[in-house]
Amino acid sequence: MRTLAMIIVVLAVGFLGVMGYYYFRDGSLQSAGAEVDQGLAKVDQTTQPLQDSLGEVGDGVKKSVDRATDGDDRT
């Protein structure tokens, strides 16, 4: 439980630090939020191939399980 709490605290402090930096640089929370949104959109775009690959792996695992059980729940 301590580890999870520590991760949440680190993420919250990091987020506040990034927002604070953009707030002091641009002078408003609206533009700071827009900057953070742009950064997060770039992260999403760069990880899109990884997301697609993981989706294909998940579909493959589901198909394998379906083929292995053939609808019989005893196996």
Protein backbone atom coordinates (compact mmCIF):
# COMPACT_ATOMS: atom_id res chain seq x y z
CA MET A 1 0.00 0.00 0.00
CA ARG A 2 2.89 2.34 0.73
CA THR A 3 4.33 1.79 -2.71
CA LEU A 4 1.05 2.66 -4.41
CA ALA A 5 0.70 5.77 -2.26
CA MET A 6 4.26 6.81 -3.11
CA ILE A 7 3.62 6.37 -6.84
CA ILE A 8 0.48 8.50 -6.62
CA VAL A 9 2.31 11.21 -4.66
CA VAL A 10 5.20 11.28 -7.14
CA LEU A 11 2.82 11.55 -10.10
CA ALA A 12 0.82 14.30 -8.42
CA VAL A 13 3.91 16.31 -7.52
CA GLY A 14 5.29 15.85 -11.03
CA PHE A 15 2.04 17.01 -12.59
CA LEU A 16 1.90 20.05 -10.33
CA GLY A 17 5.52 20.82 -11.16
CA VAL A 18 4.89 20.72 -14.91
CA MET A 19 1.72 22.81 -14.57
CA GLY A 20 3.57 25.28 -12.35
CA TYR A 21 6.38 25.64 -14.87
CA TYR A 22 3.97 26.38 -17.73
CA TYR A 23 1.90 28.68 -15.50
CA PHE A 24 4.91 30.82 -14.63
CA ARG A 25 6.12 30.76 -18.23
CA ASP A 26 2.79 31.62 -19.89
CA GLY A 27 0.97 33.41 -17.08
CA SER A 28 -2.32 31.48 -17.08
CA LEU A 29 -3.60 28.05 -16.19
CA GLN A 30 -5.54 27.85 -19.46
CA SER A 31 -2.41 28.05 -21.59
CA ALA A 32 -0.57 25.78 -19.16
CA GLY A 33 -3.29 23.16 -19.56
CA ALA A 34 -3.15 23.53 -23.34
CA GLU A 35 0.62 22.93 -23.30
CA VAL A 36 0.22 19.79 -21.17
CA ASP A 37 -2.57 18.54 -23.47
CA GLN A 38 -0.34 19.01 -26.52
CA GLY A 39 2.45 17.07 -24.83
CA LEU A 40 0.14 14.22 -23.89
CA ALA A 41 -1.24 14.09 -27.44
CA LYS A 42 2.31 13.68 -28.76
CA VAL A 43 2.92 10.81 -26.33
CA ASP A 44 -0.27 9.11 -27.50
CA GLN A 45 0.73 9.47 -31.16
CA THR A 46 4.23 8.10 -30.61
CA THR A 47 2.97 5.06 -28.71
CA GLN A 48 0.18 4.25 -31.21
CA PRO A 49 2.15 1.40 -32.89
CA LEU A 50 2.74 -0.17 -29.48
CA GLN A 51 -0.95 0.17 -28.63
CA ASP A 52 -1.91 -1.51 -31.90
CA SER A 53 0.55 -4.37 -31.32
CA LEU A 54 -0.73 -4.99 -27.82
CA GLY A 55 -4.29 -5.03 -29.12
CA GLU A 56 -3.32 -7.67 -31.68
CA VAL A 57 -1.63 -9.75 -28.98
CA GLY A 58 -4.77 -9.58 -26.85
CA ASP A 59 -6.93 -10.68 -29.78
CA GLY A 60 -4.55 -13.56 -30.51
CA VAL A 61 -4.66 -14.76 -26.90
CA LYS A 62 -8.47 -14.63 -26.91
CA LYS A 63 -8.62 -16.64 -30.14
CA SER A 64 -6.18 -19.21 -28.74
CA VAL A 65 -8.24 -19.66 -25.60
CA ASP A 66 -11.43 -19.96 -27.63
CA ARG A 67 -9.86 -22.59 -29.87
CA ALA A 68 -8.46 -24.51 -26.92
CA THR A 69 -11.76 -24.71 -25.08
CA ASP A 70 -14.06 -25.09 -28.10
CA GLY A 71 -16.91 -23.83 -25.96
CA ASP A 72 -16.40 -26.57 -23.38
CA ASP A 73 -15.89 -24.98 -19.96
CA ARG A 74 -14.45 -28.17 -18.44
CA THR A 75 -11.09 -27.74 -20.22
